[in-house]
Amino acid sequence: MHPSSSSSSATELQRLVDIVARLRGPDGCSWDRQQTVDTLKPFVIEEAYEVVEAIDRHDHAALCDELGDYLFEAMLLAQVESDGGHFTIADAARCAADKLVRRHPHVFAREPGQPTLDPASVRAQWETIKAQERAERGEARALLAGIPTALPALLRAYRLGARAASVGFDWTRALDVVTKLREEVDEIARALEADPVDRSQLEDEIGDLLFAVANLARKLDVEPESALRRGNAKFTARFTALESRVHEGGRRLHELSLDELEEEWRQVKAAEQPA
């Protein structure tokens, strides 16, 4: 797929706006007409994950298609709000553009000779400007406010840790987080030794462990959701290979003992090693 040169972005975006308005119009689609911002939430989330999956595969054609679907969801949400007399997609675009200009003074208000900011400084400046905007609106918000609760829990833990770290509340070294991980594992072991096991406490301890893992990832500059997706993909590939090996031997997985399954797993991992 190659970038199109036959039509402008503005033309295609306007065409999509017109199509969505038609779908929501009196003679439009009954399904689209009945949608609300609440009913569209799962579709927005699903399309976002499909965009991420296309990125993970480095599939440019799929990414183009999935971005189109994601853009449609944004347009549809805006049309629902426009139908309710709240705002239009143009209002949303203007808000985004104004915000980007306001939060990038090092680009749009840069003085001659002003030094270039490094990425860390840009991020710090962004958070400072956001705080100023909240203050100007009279919003006395807590530091951790504004991190969406709808985020995947692992990613939200990562963001919470980063926000706390912005004021110095952080481990000094990544190795300090590793020590914390060992402490959390020990606490889980102690919770398992109780008779009976307190399920609520066990859930709390596992939550603490996962929170620490997210912050270890942050200290190592690793995005935990991406890392876990890679881990999931690796496990899926290896287990599928294990399953194929077992079936080729004329057996089924449930017929093997745990020791036999572990040996097959070792064989699969060994086959991945370069000769």
Protein backbone atom coordinates (compact mmCIF):
# COMPACT_ATOMS: atom_id res chain seq x y z
CA MET A 1 0.00 0.00 0.00
CA HIS A 2 1.32 3.44 -0.94
CA PRO A 3 0.22 6.86 0.32
CA SER A 4 -2.55 8.27 -1.86
CA SER A 5 -1.78 11.42 -3.81
CA SER A 6 -5.14 11.62 -5.59
CA SER A 7 -7.09 13.27 -2.78
CA SER A 8 -6.37 15.49 0.20
CA SER A 9 -6.74 14.52 3.82
CA ALA A 10 -9.34 17.24 4.27
CA THR A 11 -11.44 15.90 1.40
CA GLU A 12 -11.43 12.33 2.69
CA LEU A 13 -12.10 13.39 6.27
CA GLN A 14 -15.04 15.51 5.14
CA ARG A 15 -16.35 12.57 3.10
CA LEU A 16 -16.26 10.40 6.22
CA VAL A 17 -18.00 13.12 8.26
CA ASP A 18 -20.75 13.29 5.63
CA ILE A 19 -21.16 9.50 5.52
CA VAL A 20 -21.47 9.28 9.30
CA ALA A 21 -24.02 12.11 9.33
CA ARG A 22 -25.99 10.26 6.64
CA LEU A 23 -25.91 7.03 8.64
CA ARG A 24 -27.29 8.89 11.67
CA GLY A 25 -29.82 10.83 9.59
CA PRO A 26 -33.59 10.23 9.30
CA ASP A 27 -33.12 7.95 6.30
CA GLY A 28 -29.91 6.39 7.59
CA CYS A 29 -29.02 3.11 9.27
CA SER A 30 -31.29 1.92 12.08
CA TRP A 31 -28.33 0.44 13.99
CA ASP A 32 -26.23 3.59 13.81
CA ARG A 33 -29.22 5.75 14.72
CA GLN A 34 -29.83 3.85 17.96
CA GLN A 35 -26.25 4.13 19.24
CA THR A 36 -25.34 6.26 22.25
CA VAL A 37 -22.00 7.23 23.76
CA ASP A 38 -22.49 4.41 26.27
CA THR A 39 -23.28 1.70 23.72
CA LEU A 40 -20.26 2.71 21.65
CA LYS A 41 -17.73 2.30 24.49
CA PRO A 42 -16.93 -1.39 23.84
CA PHE A 43 -16.45 -0.72 20.12
CA VAL A 44 -14.00 2.11 20.83
CA ILE A 45 -11.98 -0.16 23.11
CA GLU A 46 -12.07 -3.06 20.64
CA GLU A 47 -10.93 -0.89 17.74
CA ALA A 48 -8.10 0.55 19.84
CA TYR A 49 -6.80 -2.94 20.56
CA GLU A 50 -7.07 -3.89 16.89
CA VAL A 51 -4.94 -0.85 16.04
CA VAL A 52 -2.34 -2.00 18.58
CA GLU A 53 -2.40 -5.54 17.18
CA ALA A 54 -1.71 -4.23 13.67
CA ILE A 55 1.20 -2.19 15.07
CA ASP A 56 2.60 -5.25 16.83
CA ARG A 57 2.50 -7.16 13.53
CA HIS A 58 4.08 -4.24 11.66
CA ASP A 59 1.30 -4.77 9.12
CA HIS A 60 0.96 -1.41 7.38
CA ALA A 61 -2.07 -2.35 5.30
CA ALA A 62 -3.90 -3.67 8.37
CA LEU A 63 -2.89 -0.58 10.36
CA CYS A 64 -4.36 1.67 7.67
CA ASP A 65 -7.61 -0.30 7.79
CA GLU A 66 -7.79 -0.39 11.60
CA LEU A 67 -7.00 3.32 11.92
CA GLY A 68 -9.89 3.92 9.54
CA ASP A 69 -12.19 1.89 11.79
CA TYR A 70 -10.93 3.75 14.85
CA LEU A 71 -11.46 7.08 13.12
CA PHE A 72 -15.00 6.00 12.25
CA GLU A 73 -15.73 5.33 15.94
CA ALA A 74 -14.46 8.82 16.80
CA MET A 75 -16.61 10.35 14.07
CA LEU A 76 -19.66 8.37 15.19
CA LEU A 77 -19.21 9.43 18.82
CA ALA A 78 -18.91 13.05 17.73
CA GLN A 79 -22.02 12.76 15.56
CA VAL A 80 -24.01 11.33 18.48
CA GLU A 81 -22.90 14.31 20.58
CA SER A 82 -23.69 16.71 17.72
CA ASP A 83 -27.18 15.23 17.40
CA GLY A 84 -27.63 15.93 21.11
CA GLY A 85 -26.55 19.55 20.66
CA HIS A 86 -23.32 19.18 22.64
CA PHE A 87 -20.40 19.55 20.19
CA THR A 88 -19.27 18.62 16.69
CA ILE A 89 -16.23 16.79 15.35
CA ALA A 90 -14.88 20.21 14.34
CA ASP A 91 -15.09 21.31 17.98
CA ALA A 92 -13.18 18.19 19.05
CA ALA A 93 -10.53 18.79 16.37
CA ARG A 94 -10.17 22.42 17.44
CA CYS A 95 -9.76 21.38 21.08
CA ALA A 96 -7.03 18.91 20.11
CA ALA A 97 -5.20 21.42 17.91
CA ASP A 98 -5.38 24.21 20.51
CA LYS A 99 -4.16 21.85 23.23
CA LEU A 100 -1.21 20.65 21.16
CA VAL A 101 -0.10 24.19 20.38
CA ARG A 102 -0.54 25.26 24.01
CA ARG A 103 1.40 22.29 25.39
CA HIS A 104 4.26 22.55 22.87
CA PRO A 105 5.59 26.07 23.45
CA HIS A 106 9.08 24.77 22.63
CA VAL A 107 7.79 24.25 19.07
CA PHE A 108 5.07 26.85 18.45
CA ALA A 109 6.37 29.66 20.68
CA ARG A 110 10.07 28.99 20.50
CA GLU A 111 12.29 32.02 20.75
CA PRO A 112 15.34 32.38 18.48
CA GLY A 113 18.31 30.63 20.06
CA GLN A 114 16.17 28.77 22.59
CA PRO A 115 17.74 25.36 23.25
CA THR A 116 15.97 22.22 22.10
CA LEU A 117 14.29 20.25 24.89
CA ASP A 118 15.10 16.59 25.36
CA PRO A 119 12.16 14.11 25.59
CA ALA A 120 12.26 13.98 29.40
CA SER A 121 12.08 17.78 29.61
CA VAL A 122 9.23 17.85 27.11
CA ARG A 123 7.27 15.38 29.25
CA ALA A 124 7.92 17.38 32.43
CA GLN A 125 6.85 20.59 30.67
CA TRP A 126 3.67 18.86 29.44
CA GLU A 127 2.70 17.86 32.98
CA THR A 128 3.47 21.35 34.31
CA ILE A 129 1.27 22.97 31.66
CA LYS A 130 -1.54 20.49 32.38
CA ALA A 131 -1.34 21.41 36.08
CA GLN A 132 -1.46 25.12 35.21
CA GLU A 133 -4.53 24.55 33.04
CA ARG A 134 -6.30 22.76 35.87
CA ALA A 135 -5.43 25.58 38.28
CA GLU A 136 -6.75 28.20 35.84
CA ARG A 137 -10.03 26.27 35.67
CA GLY A 138 -10.19 26.25 39.46
CA GLU A 139 -9.71 22.49 39.64
CA ALA A 140 -7.85 21.52 42.81
CA ARG A 141 -7.08 18.04 41.60
CA ALA A 142 -4.98 15.46 43.37
CA LEU A 143 -1.76 14.42 41.68
CA LEU A 144 -3.11 11.02 40.71
CA ALA A 145 -6.43 12.34 39.42
CA GLY A 146 -7.08 12.16 35.71
CA ILE A 147 -5.50 8.77 35.07
CA PRO A 148 -8.46 6.91 33.52
CA THR A 149 -9.81 4.07 35.63
CA ALA A 150 -10.85 2.35 32.39
CA LEU A 151 -7.21 1.79 31.41
CA PRO A 152 -5.98 -1.81 31.55
CA ALA A 153 -4.92 -2.32 35.17
CA LEU A 154 -1.26 -2.99 34.34
CA LEU A 155 -0.98 0.16 32.25
CA ARG A 156 -2.77 2.22 34.90
CA ALA A 157 -0.31 0.95 37.52
CA TYR A 158 2.52 2.09 35.23
CA ARG A 159 0.94 5.54 34.88
CA LEU A 160 0.25 5.88 38.60
CA GLY A 161 3.87 5.07 39.39
CA ALA A 162 5.10 7.57 36.81
CA ARG A 163 2.87 10.32 38.17
CA ALA A 164 4.06 9.68 41.75
CA ALA A 165 7.67 9.58 40.53
CA SER A 166 7.24 13.05 39.00
CA VAL A 167 7.38 14.51 42.53
CA GLY A 168 10.20 12.25 43.68
CA PHE A 169 8.13 9.45 45.25
CA ASP A 170 10.02 6.58 43.65
CA TRP A 171 12.60 3.88 44.15
CA THR A 172 16.16 5.09 43.60
CA ARG A 173 17.22 2.14 41.44
CA ALA A 174 15.53 -0.60 39.45
CA LEU A 175 17.30 -3.11 41.71
CA ASP A 176 15.38 -1.64 44.65
CA VAL A 177 12.15 -2.62 42.90
CA VAL A 178 13.51 -6.15 42.44
CA THR A 179 14.00 -6.30 46.22
CA LYS A 180 10.40 -5.14 46.63
CA LEU A 181 9.26 -7.91 44.26
CA ARG A 182 10.96 -10.52 46.43
CA GLU A 183 9.23 -9.10 49.49
CA GLU A 184 5.85 -9.29 47.76
CA VAL A 185 6.45 -12.91 46.69
CA ASP A 186 7.34 -13.77 50.28
CA GLU A 187 4.11 -12.16 51.47
CA ILE A 188 2.13 -14.26 48.99
CA ALA A 189 3.87 -17.39 50.28
CA ARG A 190 2.95 -16.47 53.86
CA ALA A 191 -0.66 -15.85 52.82
CA LEU A 192 -0.77 -19.31 51.22
CA GLU A 193 0.48 -20.90 54.44
CA ALA A 194 -2.54 -19.65 56.39
CA ASP A 195 -5.27 -22.14 57.24
CA PRO A 196 -7.72 -21.28 55.91
CA VAL A 197 -6.29 -19.09 53.14
CA ASP A 198 -7.72 -15.57 53.26
CA ARG A 199 -8.72 -15.04 49.62
CA SER A 200 -9.13 -11.29 50.05
CA GLN A 201 -5.63 -10.96 51.51
CA LEU A 202 -4.23 -13.17 48.78
CA GLU A 203 -5.79 -10.96 46.11
CA ASP A 204 -4.32 -7.90 47.83
CA GLU A 205 -0.85 -9.43 47.89
CA ILE A 206 -0.99 -10.46 44.24
CA GLY A 207 -2.16 -6.95 43.38
CA ASP A 208 0.85 -5.52 45.24
CA LEU A 209 3.14 -7.86 43.31
CA LEU A 210 1.69 -6.84 39.95
CA PHE A 211 1.90 -3.17 40.89
CA ALA A 212 5.58 -3.61 41.72
CA VAL A 213 6.16 -5.43 38.40
CA ALA A 214 4.58 -2.50 36.53
CA ASN A 215 6.90 -0.11 38.32
CA LEU A 216 9.95 -2.25 37.62
CA ALA A 217 9.02 -2.02 33.95
CA ARG A 218 8.74 1.75 34.28
CA LYS A 219 12.16 2.02 35.94
CA LEU A 220 13.62 -0.01 33.06
CA ASP A 221 11.77 2.11 30.46
CA VAL A 222 9.73 -0.89 29.33
CA GLU A 223 6.03 -0.41 28.56
CA PRO A 224 4.43 -3.27 30.54
CA GLU A 225 1.41 -3.86 28.30
CA SER A 226 3.69 -4.29 25.28
CA ALA A 227 6.01 -6.54 27.27
CA LEU A 228 3.10 -8.72 28.41
CA ARG A 229 1.69 -8.90 24.87
CA ARG A 230 5.10 -10.17 23.71
CA GLY A 231 5.13 -12.67 26.55
CA ASN A 232 1.64 -13.84 25.63
CA ALA A 233 2.65 -14.22 21.97
CA LYS A 234 5.77 -16.16 22.92
CA PHE A 235 3.80 -18.52 25.18
CA THR A 236 1.15 -19.02 22.50
CA ALA A 237 3.75 -19.87 19.85
CA ARG A 238 5.61 -22.27 22.12
CA PHE A 239 2.51 -24.01 23.43
CA THR A 240 1.13 -24.38 19.91
CA ALA A 241 4.44 -25.92 18.83
CA LEU A 242 4.30 -28.26 21.83
CA GLU A 243 0.77 -29.28 20.89
CA SER A 244 1.85 -29.99 17.31
CA ARG A 245 4.77 -32.13 18.51
CA VAL A 246 2.48 -34.19 20.73
CA HIS A 247 -0.13 -34.67 18.00
CA GLU A 248 2.54 -35.66 15.48
CA GLY A 249 3.56 -38.38 17.95
CA GLY A 250 0.02 -39.73 17.86
CA ARG A 251 -0.92 -38.58 21.36
CA ARG A 252 -3.14 -35.93 22.93
CA LEU A 253 -2.10 -33.33 25.47
CA HIS A 254 -4.27 -34.68 28.28
CA GLU A 255 -2.61 -38.09 27.91
CA LEU A 256 0.80 -36.73 28.95
CA SER A 257 2.01 -36.39 32.51
CA LEU A 258 3.29 -33.05 33.76
CA ASP A 259 6.87 -34.32 33.50
CA GLU A 260 6.28 -35.32 29.88
CA LEU A 261 4.71 -31.95 29.07
CA GLU A 262 7.66 -30.15 30.64
CA GLU A 263 10.08 -32.24 28.57
CA GLU A 264 8.17 -31.32 25.41
CA TRP A 265 8.32 -27.69 26.48
CA ARG A 266 12.10 -27.91 26.91
CA GLN A 267 12.37 -29.46 23.45
CA VAL A 268 10.37 -26.61 21.91
CA LYS A 269 12.54 -24.00 23.61
CA ALA A 270 15.71 -25.82 22.57
CA ALA A 271 14.54 -25.81 18.95
CA GLU A 272 14.35 -22.01 19.08
CA GLN A 273 18.04 -21.68 19.89
CA PRO A 274 20.33 -20.88 16.93
CA ALA A 275 22.45 -23.77 15.77
